[in-house]
ModelCIF file with pLDDT and N, C-alpha, C, O atoms, coordinates in Angstrom:
data_MODEL
#
_entry.id   MODEL 
#
_entity.id                         1 
_entity.type                       polymer 
_entity.pdbx_number_of_molecules   1 
#
_entity_poly.entity_id                      1 
_entity_poly.type                           'polypeptide(L)' 
_entity_poly.nstd_linkage                   no 
_entity_poly.nstd_monomer                   no 
_entity_poly.pdbx_seq_one_letter_code       TISRDNAKNTVYLQMNSLKPEDVDVYYCAASSTPHGISWYVS 
_entity_poly.pdbx_seq_one_letter_code_can   TISRDNAKNTVYLQMNSLKPEDVDVYYCAASSTPHGISWYVS 
_entity_poly.pdbx_strand_id                 A 
#
loop_
_entity_poly_seq.entity_id 
_entity_poly_seq.num 
_entity_poly_seq.mon_id 
_entity_poly_seq.hetero 
1 1  THR n 
1 2  ILE n 
1 3  SER n 
1 4  ARG n 
1 5  ASP n 
1 6  ASN n 
1 7  ALA n 
1 8  LYS n 
1 9  ASN n 
1 10 THR n 
1 11 VAL n 
1 12 TYR n 
1 13 LEU n 
1 14 GLN n 
1 15 MET n 
1 16 ASN n 
1 17 SER n 
1 18 LEU n 
1 19 LYS n 
1 20 PRO n 
1 21 GLU n 
1 22 ASP n 
1 23 VAL n 
1 24 ASP n 
1 25 VAL n 
1 26 TYR n 
1 27 TYR n 
1 28 CYS n 
1 29 ALA n 
1 30 ALA n 
1 31 SER n 
1 32 SER n 
1 33 THR n 
1 34 PRO n 
1 35 HIS n 
1 36 GLY n 
1 37 ILE n 
1 38 SER n 
1 39 TRP n 
1 40 TYR n 
1 41 VAL n 
1 42 SER n 
#
_struct_asym.id          A 
_struct_asym.entity_id   1 
#
loop_
_ma_qa_metric.id 
_ma_qa_metric.mode 
_ma_qa_metric.name 
_ma_qa_metric.software_group_id 
_ma_qa_metric.type 
1 global pLDDT . pLDDT 
2 local  pLDDT . pLDDT 
#
_ma_qa_metric_global.metric_id      1 
_ma_qa_metric_global.metric_value   94.79 
_ma_qa_metric_global.model_id       1 
_ma_qa_metric_global.ordinal_id     1 
#
loop_
_ma_qa_metric_local.label_asym_id 
_ma_qa_metric_local.label_comp_id 
_ma_qa_metric_local.label_seq_id 
_ma_qa_metric_local.metric_id 
_ma_qa_metric_local.metric_value 
_ma_qa_metric_local.model_id 
_ma_qa_metric_local.ordinal_id 
A THR 1  2 98.00 1 1  
A ILE 2  2 98.00 1 2  
A SER 3  2 98.00 1 3  
A ARG 4  2 98.00 1 4  
A ASP 5  2 97.00 1 5  
A ASN 6  2 96.00 1 6  
A ALA 7  2 95.00 1 7  
A LYS 8  2 96.00 1 8  
A ASN 9  2 97.00 1 9  
A THR 10 2 98.00 1 10 
A VAL 11 2 98.00 1 11 
A TYR 12 2 98.00 1 12 
A LEU 13 2 98.00 1 13 
A GLN 14 2 98.00 1 14 
A MET 15 2 98.00 1 15 
A ASN 16 2 98.00 1 16 
A SER 17 2 97.00 1 17 
A LEU 18 2 97.00 1 18 
A LYS 19 2 95.00 1 19 
A PRO 20 2 92.00 1 20 
A GLU 21 2 92.00 1 21 
A ASP 22 2 93.00 1 22 
A VAL 23 2 90.00 1 23 
A ASP 24 2 92.00 1 24 
A VAL 25 2 97.00 1 25 
A TYR 26 2 98.00 1 26 
A TYR 27 2 98.00 1 27 
A CYS 28 2 98.00 1 28 
A ALA 29 2 98.00 1 29 
A ALA 30 2 97.00 1 30 
A SER 31 2 96.00 1 31 
A SER 32 2 93.00 1 32 
A THR 33 2 89.00 1 33 
A PRO 34 2 86.00 1 34 
A HIS 35 2 86.00 1 35 
A GLY 36 2 88.00 1 36 
A ILE 37 2 88.00 1 37 
A SER 38 2 88.00 1 38 
A TRP 39 2 89.00 1 39 
A TYR 40 2 95.00 1 40 
A VAL 41 2 95.00 1 41 
A SER 42 2 95.00 1 42 
#
loop_
_atom_site.group_PDB 
_atom_site.id 
_atom_site.type_symbol 
_atom_site.label_atom_id 
_atom_site.label_alt_id 
_atom_site.label_comp_id 
_atom_site.label_asym_id 
_atom_site.label_entity_id 
_atom_site.label_seq_id 
_atom_site.pdbx_PDB_ins_code 
_atom_site.Cartn_x 
_atom_site.Cartn_y 
_atom_site.Cartn_z 
_atom_site.occupancy 
_atom_site.B_iso_or_equiv 
_atom_site.pdbx_formal_charge 
_atom_site.auth_seq_id 
_atom_site.auth_comp_id 
_atom_site.auth_asym_id 
_atom_site.auth_atom_id 
_atom_site.pdbx_PDB_model_num 
ATOM 1   N N  . THR A 1 1  ? -105.767 -80.973 -2.116  1.00 98.00 ? 1  THR A N  1 
ATOM 2   C CA . THR A 1 1  ? -104.969 -80.153 -1.494  1.00 98.00 ? 1  THR A CA 1 
ATOM 3   C C  . THR A 1 1  ? -104.664 -78.702 -2.006  1.00 98.00 ? 1  THR A C  1 
ATOM 4   O O  . THR A 1 1  ? -103.443 -78.560 -1.949  1.00 98.00 ? 1  THR A O  1 
ATOM 5   N N  . ILE A 1 2  ? -105.112 -77.856 -2.360  1.00 98.00 ? 2  ILE A N  1 
ATOM 6   C CA . ILE A 1 2  ? -104.300 -76.807 -2.980  1.00 98.00 ? 2  ILE A CA 1 
ATOM 7   C C  . ILE A 1 2  ? -103.784 -75.828 -2.035  1.00 98.00 ? 2  ILE A C  1 
ATOM 8   O O  . ILE A 1 2  ? -104.279 -75.289 -1.045  1.00 98.00 ? 2  ILE A O  1 
ATOM 9   N N  . SER A 1 3  ? -102.345 -75.725 -2.768  1.00 98.00 ? 3  SER A N  1 
ATOM 10  C CA . SER A 1 3  ? -101.404 -74.818 -2.033  1.00 98.00 ? 3  SER A CA 1 
ATOM 11  C C  . SER A 1 3  ? -100.723 -73.714 -2.896  1.00 98.00 ? 3  SER A C  1 
ATOM 12  O O  . SER A 1 3  ? -101.368 -73.393 -3.893  1.00 98.00 ? 3  SER A O  1 
ATOM 13  N N  . ARG A 1 4  ? -99.812  -73.222 -2.743  1.00 98.00 ? 4  ARG A N  1 
ATOM 14  C CA . ARG A 1 4  ? -99.447  -72.202 -3.706  1.00 98.00 ? 4  ARG A CA 1 
ATOM 15  C C  . ARG A 1 4  ? -98.425  -71.699 -2.628  1.00 98.00 ? 4  ARG A C  1 
ATOM 16  O O  . ARG A 1 4  ? -98.502  -71.763 -1.401  1.00 98.00 ? 4  ARG A O  1 
ATOM 17  N N  . ASP A 1 5  ? -96.986  -70.935 -3.816  1.00 97.00 ? 5  ASP A N  1 
ATOM 18  C CA . ASP A 1 5  ? -95.827  -70.446 -3.530  1.00 97.00 ? 5  ASP A CA 1 
ATOM 19  C C  . ASP A 1 5  ? -95.813  -69.133 -4.222  1.00 97.00 ? 5  ASP A C  1 
ATOM 20  O O  . ASP A 1 5  ? -95.939  -69.260 -5.440  1.00 97.00 ? 5  ASP A O  1 
ATOM 21  N N  . ASN A 1 6  ? -95.725  -68.207 -3.906  1.00 96.00 ? 6  ASN A N  1 
ATOM 22  C CA . ASN A 1 6  ? -96.019  -67.285 -4.259  1.00 96.00 ? 6  ASN A CA 1 
ATOM 23  C C  . ASN A 1 6  ? -94.452  -66.865 -4.465  1.00 96.00 ? 6  ASN A C  1 
ATOM 24  O O  . ASN A 1 6  ? -94.525  -66.124 -5.446  1.00 96.00 ? 6  ASN A O  1 
ATOM 25  N N  . ALA A 1 7  ? -93.557  -66.905 -4.218  1.00 95.00 ? 7  ALA A N  1 
ATOM 26  C CA . ALA A 1 7  ? -92.140  -66.994 -4.752  1.00 95.00 ? 7  ALA A CA 1 
ATOM 27  C C  . ALA A 1 7  ? -91.499  -67.197 -5.891  1.00 95.00 ? 7  ALA A C  1 
ATOM 28  O O  . ALA A 1 7  ? -90.659  -66.558 -6.525  1.00 95.00 ? 7  ALA A O  1 
ATOM 29  N N  . LYS A 1 8  ? -92.369  -68.787 -6.119  1.00 96.00 ? 8  LYS A N  1 
ATOM 30  C CA . LYS A 1 8  ? -91.991  -69.625 -6.991  1.00 96.00 ? 8  LYS A CA 1 
ATOM 31  C C  . LYS A 1 8  ? -93.225  -69.304 -7.760  1.00 96.00 ? 8  LYS A C  1 
ATOM 32  O O  . LYS A 1 8  ? -93.613  -70.255 -8.439  1.00 96.00 ? 8  LYS A O  1 
ATOM 33  N N  . ASN A 1 9  ? -94.063  -68.051 -7.855  1.00 97.00 ? 9  ASN A N  1 
ATOM 34  C CA . ASN A 1 9  ? -95.425  -67.948 -9.080  1.00 97.00 ? 9  ASN A CA 1 
ATOM 35  C C  . ASN A 1 9  ? -95.632  -69.590 -9.243  1.00 97.00 ? 9  ASN A C  1 
ATOM 36  O O  . ASN A 1 9  ? -95.896  -69.850 -10.417 1.00 97.00 ? 9  ASN A O  1 
ATOM 37  N N  . THR A 1 10 ? -95.601  -70.413 -8.655  1.00 98.00 ? 10 THR A N  1 
ATOM 38  C CA . THR A 1 10 ? -96.743  -71.573 -8.778  1.00 98.00 ? 10 THR A CA 1 
ATOM 39  C C  . THR A 1 10 ? -97.564  -72.273 -7.634  1.00 98.00 ? 10 THR A C  1 
ATOM 40  O O  . THR A 1 10 ? -97.103  -72.507 -6.517  1.00 98.00 ? 10 THR A O  1 
ATOM 41  N N  . VAL A 1 11 ? -98.978  -72.613 -8.094  1.00 98.00 ? 11 VAL A N  1 
ATOM 42  C CA . VAL A 1 11 ? -99.687  -73.443 -7.348  1.00 98.00 ? 11 VAL A CA 1 
ATOM 43  C C  . VAL A 1 11 ? -99.741  -74.912 -7.802  1.00 98.00 ? 11 VAL A C  1 
ATOM 44  O O  . VAL A 1 11 ? -99.557  -75.473 -8.883  1.00 98.00 ? 11 VAL A O  1 
ATOM 45  N N  . TYR A 1 12 ? -100.087 -75.348 -6.474  1.00 98.00 ? 12 TYR A N  1 
ATOM 46  C CA . TYR A 1 12 ? -100.041 -76.939 -6.977  1.00 98.00 ? 12 TYR A CA 1 
ATOM 47  C C  . TYR A 1 12 ? -101.289 -77.527 -6.163  1.00 98.00 ? 12 TYR A C  1 
ATOM 48  O O  . TYR A 1 12 ? -101.707 -77.292 -5.029  1.00 98.00 ? 12 TYR A O  1 
ATOM 49  N N  . LEU A 1 13 ? -101.684 -78.313 -7.099  1.00 98.00 ? 13 LEU A N  1 
ATOM 50  C CA . LEU A 1 13 ? -103.234 -79.400 -6.327  1.00 98.00 ? 13 LEU A CA 1 
ATOM 51  C C  . LEU A 1 13 ? -102.376 -80.922 -6.560  1.00 98.00 ? 13 LEU A C  1 
ATOM 52  O O  . LEU A 1 13 ? -102.152 -81.736 -7.457  1.00 98.00 ? 13 LEU A O  1 
ATOM 53  N N  . GLN A 1 14 ? -101.992 -80.629 -4.703  1.00 98.00 ? 14 GLN A N  1 
ATOM 54  C CA . GLN A 1 14 ? -101.329 -82.509 -4.752  1.00 98.00 ? 14 GLN A CA 1 
ATOM 55  C C  . GLN A 1 14 ? -103.019 -83.332 -4.152  1.00 98.00 ? 14 GLN A C  1 
ATOM 56  O O  . GLN A 1 14 ? -103.698 -83.081 -3.157  1.00 98.00 ? 14 GLN A O  1 
ATOM 57  N N  . MET A 1 15 ? -103.240 -84.444 -5.379  1.00 98.00 ? 15 MET A N  1 
ATOM 58  C CA . MET A 1 15 ? -104.261 -85.073 -5.283  1.00 98.00 ? 15 MET A CA 1 
ATOM 59  C C  . MET A 1 15 ? -103.670 -86.956 -4.735  1.00 98.00 ? 15 MET A C  1 
ATOM 60  O O  . MET A 1 15 ? -102.709 -87.640 -5.085  1.00 98.00 ? 15 MET A O  1 
ATOM 61  N N  . ASN A 1 16 ? -104.653 -87.164 -3.903  1.00 98.00 ? 16 ASN A N  1 
ATOM 62  C CA . ASN A 1 16 ? -104.251 -88.176 -3.175  1.00 98.00 ? 16 ASN A CA 1 
ATOM 63  C C  . ASN A 1 16 ? -105.952 -89.004 -3.115  1.00 98.00 ? 16 ASN A C  1 
ATOM 64  O O  . ASN A 1 16 ? -107.007 -88.382 -3.240  1.00 98.00 ? 16 ASN A O  1 
ATOM 65  N N  . SER A 1 17 ? -105.868 -90.115 -2.953  1.00 97.00 ? 17 SER A N  1 
ATOM 66  C CA . SER A 1 17 ? -106.448 -91.368 -3.080  1.00 97.00 ? 17 SER A CA 1 
ATOM 67  C C  . SER A 1 17 ? -107.036 -91.221 -4.207  1.00 97.00 ? 17 SER A C  1 
ATOM 68  O O  . SER A 1 17 ? -108.223 -90.920 -4.079  1.00 97.00 ? 17 SER A O  1 
ATOM 69  N N  . LEU A 1 18 ? -106.563 -91.344 -5.573  1.00 97.00 ? 18 LEU A N  1 
ATOM 70  C CA . LEU A 1 18 ? -107.135 -91.091 -7.026  1.00 97.00 ? 18 LEU A CA 1 
ATOM 71  C C  . LEU A 1 18 ? -108.318 -92.147 -7.390  1.00 97.00 ? 18 LEU A C  1 
ATOM 72  O O  . LEU A 1 18 ? -107.985 -93.322 -7.543  1.00 97.00 ? 18 LEU A O  1 
ATOM 73  N N  . LYS A 1 19 ? -109.445 -91.845 -7.509  1.00 95.00 ? 19 LYS A N  1 
ATOM 74  C CA . LYS A 1 19 ? -110.328 -92.630 -8.148  1.00 95.00 ? 19 LYS A CA 1 
ATOM 75  C C  . LYS A 1 19 ? -110.252 -92.681 -9.618  1.00 95.00 ? 19 LYS A C  1 
ATOM 76  O O  . LYS A 1 19 ? -109.926 -91.782 -10.393 1.00 95.00 ? 19 LYS A O  1 
ATOM 77  N N  . PRO A 1 20 ? -110.694 -94.170 -9.923  1.00 92.00 ? 20 PRO A N  1 
ATOM 78  C CA . PRO A 1 20 ? -111.085 -94.016 -11.425 1.00 92.00 ? 20 PRO A CA 1 
ATOM 79  C C  . PRO A 1 20 ? -111.945 -92.446 -12.181 1.00 92.00 ? 20 PRO A C  1 
ATOM 80  O O  . PRO A 1 20 ? -111.496 -91.889 -13.183 1.00 92.00 ? 20 PRO A O  1 
ATOM 81  N N  . GLU A 1 21 ? -113.112 -92.010 -11.490 1.00 92.00 ? 21 GLU A N  1 
ATOM 82  C CA . GLU A 1 21 ? -113.915 -90.590 -11.881 1.00 92.00 ? 21 GLU A CA 1 
ATOM 83  C C  . GLU A 1 21 ? -112.720 -89.071 -11.612 1.00 92.00 ? 21 GLU A C  1 
ATOM 84  O O  . GLU A 1 21 ? -112.941 -87.863 -11.694 1.00 92.00 ? 21 GLU A O  1 
ATOM 85  N N  . ASP A 1 22 ? -111.492 -89.829 -11.284 1.00 93.00 ? 22 ASP A N  1 
ATOM 86  C CA . ASP A 1 22 ? -111.223 -88.485 -11.245 1.00 93.00 ? 22 ASP A CA 1 
ATOM 87  C C  . ASP A 1 22 ? -110.106 -88.079 -12.675 1.00 93.00 ? 22 ASP A C  1 
ATOM 88  O O  . ASP A 1 22 ? -109.468 -87.079 -13.005 1.00 93.00 ? 22 ASP A O  1 
ATOM 89  N N  . VAL A 1 23 ? -110.302 -89.413 -13.224 1.00 90.00 ? 23 VAL A N  1 
ATOM 90  C CA . VAL A 1 23 ? -109.446 -89.139 -14.878 1.00 90.00 ? 23 VAL A CA 1 
ATOM 91  C C  . VAL A 1 23 ? -110.304 -87.413 -15.589 1.00 90.00 ? 23 VAL A C  1 
ATOM 92  O O  . VAL A 1 23 ? -111.485 -87.092 -15.462 1.00 90.00 ? 23 VAL A O  1 
ATOM 93  N N  . ASP A 1 24 ? -109.297 -86.705 -16.226 1.00 92.00 ? 24 ASP A N  1 
ATOM 94  C CA . ASP A 1 24 ? -109.969 -85.843 -16.545 1.00 92.00 ? 24 ASP A CA 1 
ATOM 95  C C  . ASP A 1 24 ? -108.185 -84.912 -17.012 1.00 92.00 ? 24 ASP A C  1 
ATOM 96  O O  . ASP A 1 24 ? -106.995 -85.064 -16.733 1.00 92.00 ? 24 ASP A O  1 
ATOM 97  N N  . VAL A 1 25 ? -109.165 -83.831 -17.972 1.00 97.00 ? 25 VAL A N  1 
ATOM 98  C CA . VAL A 1 25 ? -108.139 -83.062 -18.304 1.00 97.00 ? 25 VAL A CA 1 
ATOM 99  C C  . VAL A 1 25 ? -107.892 -81.920 -17.280 1.00 97.00 ? 25 VAL A C  1 
ATOM 100 O O  . VAL A 1 25 ? -108.733 -81.020 -17.290 1.00 97.00 ? 25 VAL A O  1 
ATOM 101 N N  . TYR A 1 26 ? -106.819 -81.816 -16.359 1.00 98.00 ? 26 TYR A N  1 
ATOM 102 C CA . TYR A 1 26 ? -106.875 -80.782 -15.210 1.00 98.00 ? 26 TYR A CA 1 
ATOM 103 C C  . TYR A 1 26 ? -106.471 -79.518 -15.761 1.00 98.00 ? 26 TYR A C  1 
ATOM 104 O O  . TYR A 1 26 ? -105.687 -79.639 -16.703 1.00 98.00 ? 26 TYR A O  1 
ATOM 105 N N  . TYR A 1 27 ? -106.797 -78.253 -15.428 1.00 98.00 ? 27 TYR A N  1 
ATOM 106 C CA . TYR A 1 27 ? -106.858 -76.729 -15.561 1.00 98.00 ? 27 TYR A CA 1 
ATOM 107 C C  . TYR A 1 27 ? -106.412 -75.725 -14.645 1.00 98.00 ? 27 TYR A C  1 
ATOM 108 O O  . TYR A 1 27 ? -107.187 -75.493 -13.717 1.00 98.00 ? 27 TYR A O  1 
ATOM 109 N N  . CYS A 1 28 ? -105.462 -75.146 -14.682 1.00 98.00 ? 28 CYS A N  1 
ATOM 110 C CA . CYS A 1 28 ? -105.644 -73.955 -13.723 1.00 98.00 ? 28 CYS A CA 1 
ATOM 111 C C  . CYS A 1 28 ? -105.990 -72.507 -14.336 1.00 98.00 ? 28 CYS A C  1 
ATOM 112 O O  . CYS A 1 28 ? -105.705 -72.076 -15.453 1.00 98.00 ? 28 CYS A O  1 
ATOM 113 N N  . ALA A 1 29 ? -106.783 -71.791 -13.140 1.00 98.00 ? 29 ALA A N  1 
ATOM 114 C CA . ALA A 1 29 ? -107.296 -70.777 -13.742 1.00 98.00 ? 29 ALA A CA 1 
ATOM 115 C C  . ALA A 1 29 ? -106.426 -69.774 -12.881 1.00 98.00 ? 29 ALA A C  1 
ATOM 116 O O  . ALA A 1 29 ? -105.896 -70.233 -11.869 1.00 98.00 ? 29 ALA A O  1 
ATOM 117 N N  . ALA A 1 30 ? -106.242 -68.489 -13.189 1.00 97.00 ? 30 ALA A N  1 
ATOM 118 C CA . ALA A 1 30 ? -105.835 -67.014 -12.444 1.00 97.00 ? 30 ALA A CA 1 
ATOM 119 C C  . ALA A 1 30 ? -107.379 -65.930 -12.943 1.00 97.00 ? 30 ALA A C  1 
ATOM 120 O O  . ALA A 1 30 ? -107.836 -65.466 -13.988 1.00 97.00 ? 30 ALA A O  1 
ATOM 121 N N  . SER A 1 31 ? -107.762 -65.930 -11.379 1.00 96.00 ? 31 SER A N  1 
ATOM 122 C CA . SER A 1 31 ? -108.727 -64.123 -11.780 1.00 96.00 ? 31 SER A CA 1 
ATOM 123 C C  . SER A 1 31 ? -108.474 -62.835 -10.485 1.00 96.00 ? 31 SER A C  1 
ATOM 124 O O  . SER A 1 31 ? -108.872 -62.605 -9.343  1.00 96.00 ? 31 SER A O  1 
ATOM 125 N N  . SER A 1 32 ? -108.068 -62.564 -10.938 1.00 93.00 ? 32 SER A N  1 
ATOM 126 C CA . SER A 1 32 ? -107.535 -60.739 -10.291 1.00 93.00 ? 32 SER A CA 1 
ATOM 127 C C  . SER A 1 32 ? -108.836 -60.050 -9.970  1.00 93.00 ? 32 SER A C  1 
ATOM 128 O O  . SER A 1 32 ? -108.709 -58.895 -10.377 1.00 93.00 ? 32 SER A O  1 
ATOM 129 N N  . THR A 1 33 ? -109.920 -60.199 -9.482  1.00 89.00 ? 33 THR A N  1 
ATOM 130 C CA . THR A 1 33 ? -111.054 -59.810 -9.416  1.00 89.00 ? 33 THR A CA 1 
ATOM 131 C C  . THR A 1 33 ? -111.359 -60.331 -8.004  1.00 89.00 ? 33 THR A C  1 
ATOM 132 O O  . THR A 1 33 ? -112.115 -61.293 -7.865  1.00 89.00 ? 33 THR A O  1 
ATOM 133 N N  . PRO A 1 34 ? -110.653 -59.571 -6.698  1.00 86.00 ? 34 PRO A N  1 
ATOM 134 C CA . PRO A 1 34 ? -111.079 -59.622 -5.660  1.00 86.00 ? 34 PRO A CA 1 
ATOM 135 C C  . PRO A 1 34 ? -112.798 -60.074 -5.597  1.00 86.00 ? 34 PRO A C  1 
ATOM 136 O O  . PRO A 1 34 ? -113.673 -59.564 -6.295  1.00 86.00 ? 34 PRO A O  1 
ATOM 137 N N  . HIS A 1 35 ? -112.952 -60.917 -4.800  1.00 86.00 ? 35 HIS A N  1 
ATOM 138 C CA . HIS A 1 35 ? -114.247 -61.424 -4.181  1.00 86.00 ? 35 HIS A CA 1 
ATOM 139 C C  . HIS A 1 35 ? -114.294 -62.273 -2.880  1.00 86.00 ? 35 HIS A C  1 
ATOM 140 O O  . HIS A 1 35 ? -113.328 -62.294 -2.117  1.00 86.00 ? 35 HIS A O  1 
ATOM 141 N N  . GLY A 1 36 ? -115.489 -63.007 -2.628  1.00 88.00 ? 36 GLY A N  1 
ATOM 142 C CA . GLY A 1 36 ? -115.652 -64.249 -1.834  1.00 88.00 ? 36 GLY A CA 1 
ATOM 143 C C  . GLY A 1 36 ? -114.738 -65.451 -2.089  1.00 88.00 ? 36 GLY A C  1 
ATOM 144 O O  . GLY A 1 36 ? -114.513 -65.481 -3.299  1.00 88.00 ? 36 GLY A O  1 
ATOM 145 N N  . ILE A 1 37 ? -114.283 -66.185 -1.626  1.00 88.00 ? 37 ILE A N  1 
ATOM 146 C CA . ILE A 1 37 ? -114.467 -67.136 -2.201  1.00 88.00 ? 37 ILE A CA 1 
ATOM 147 C C  . ILE A 1 37 ? -115.033 -68.514 -2.880  1.00 88.00 ? 37 ILE A C  1 
ATOM 148 O O  . ILE A 1 37 ? -114.606 -69.335 -3.691  1.00 88.00 ? 37 ILE A O  1 
ATOM 149 N N  . SER A 1 38 ? -115.973 -68.362 -2.272  1.00 88.00 ? 38 SER A N  1 
ATOM 150 C CA . SER A 1 38 ? -117.281 -69.372 -3.240  1.00 88.00 ? 38 SER A CA 1 
ATOM 151 C C  . SER A 1 38 ? -117.439 -68.404 -4.387  1.00 88.00 ? 38 SER A C  1 
ATOM 152 O O  . SER A 1 38 ? -118.175 -68.793 -5.294  1.00 88.00 ? 38 SER A O  1 
ATOM 153 N N  . TRP A 1 39 ? -116.980 -67.421 -4.493  1.00 89.00 ? 39 TRP A N  1 
ATOM 154 C CA . TRP A 1 39 ? -117.448 -67.222 -5.719  1.00 89.00 ? 39 TRP A CA 1 
ATOM 155 C C  . TRP A 1 39 ? -116.958 -68.170 -7.262  1.00 89.00 ? 39 TRP A C  1 
ATOM 156 O O  . TRP A 1 39 ? -117.410 -68.809 -8.212  1.00 89.00 ? 39 TRP A O  1 
ATOM 157 N N  . TYR A 1 40 ? -115.880 -67.741 -6.715  1.00 95.00 ? 40 TYR A N  1 
ATOM 158 C CA . TYR A 1 40 ? -114.521 -68.567 -7.543  1.00 95.00 ? 40 TYR A CA 1 
ATOM 159 C C  . TYR A 1 40 ? -114.841 -70.044 -8.138  1.00 95.00 ? 40 TYR A C  1 
ATOM 160 O O  . TYR A 1 40 ? -114.189 -70.523 -9.066  1.00 95.00 ? 40 TYR A O  1 
ATOM 161 N N  . VAL A 1 41 ? -116.056 -70.795 -7.419  1.00 95.00 ? 41 VAL A N  1 
ATOM 162 C CA . VAL A 1 41 ? -116.475 -71.800 -8.139  1.00 95.00 ? 41 VAL A CA 1 
ATOM 163 C C  . VAL A 1 41 ? -117.077 -71.804 -9.495  1.00 95.00 ? 41 VAL A C  1 
ATOM 164 O O  . VAL A 1 41 ? -117.324 -72.951 -9.868  1.00 95.00 ? 41 VAL A O  1 
ATOM 165 N N  . SER A 1 42 ? -117.429 -70.762 -10.458 1.00 95.00 ? 42 SER A N  1 
ATOM 166 C CA . SER A 1 42 ? -117.440 -70.443 -11.700 1.00 95.00 ? 42 SER A CA 1 
ATOM 167 C C  . SER A 1 42 ? -116.394 -70.304 -12.410 1.00 95.00 ? 42 SER A C  1 
ATOM 168 O O  . SER A 1 42 ? -116.491 -69.995 -13.597 1.00 95.00 ? 42 SER A O  1 
#
């Protein structure tokens, strides 16, 4: 579950039921370009 608190300038990723295949380095990223939400998969 992704969420954000704009008052704290913070975004969260709650990860439940973790699996061995979830092992990775996790990065957050910011986009200033307004677009449809599915565009941001790239």
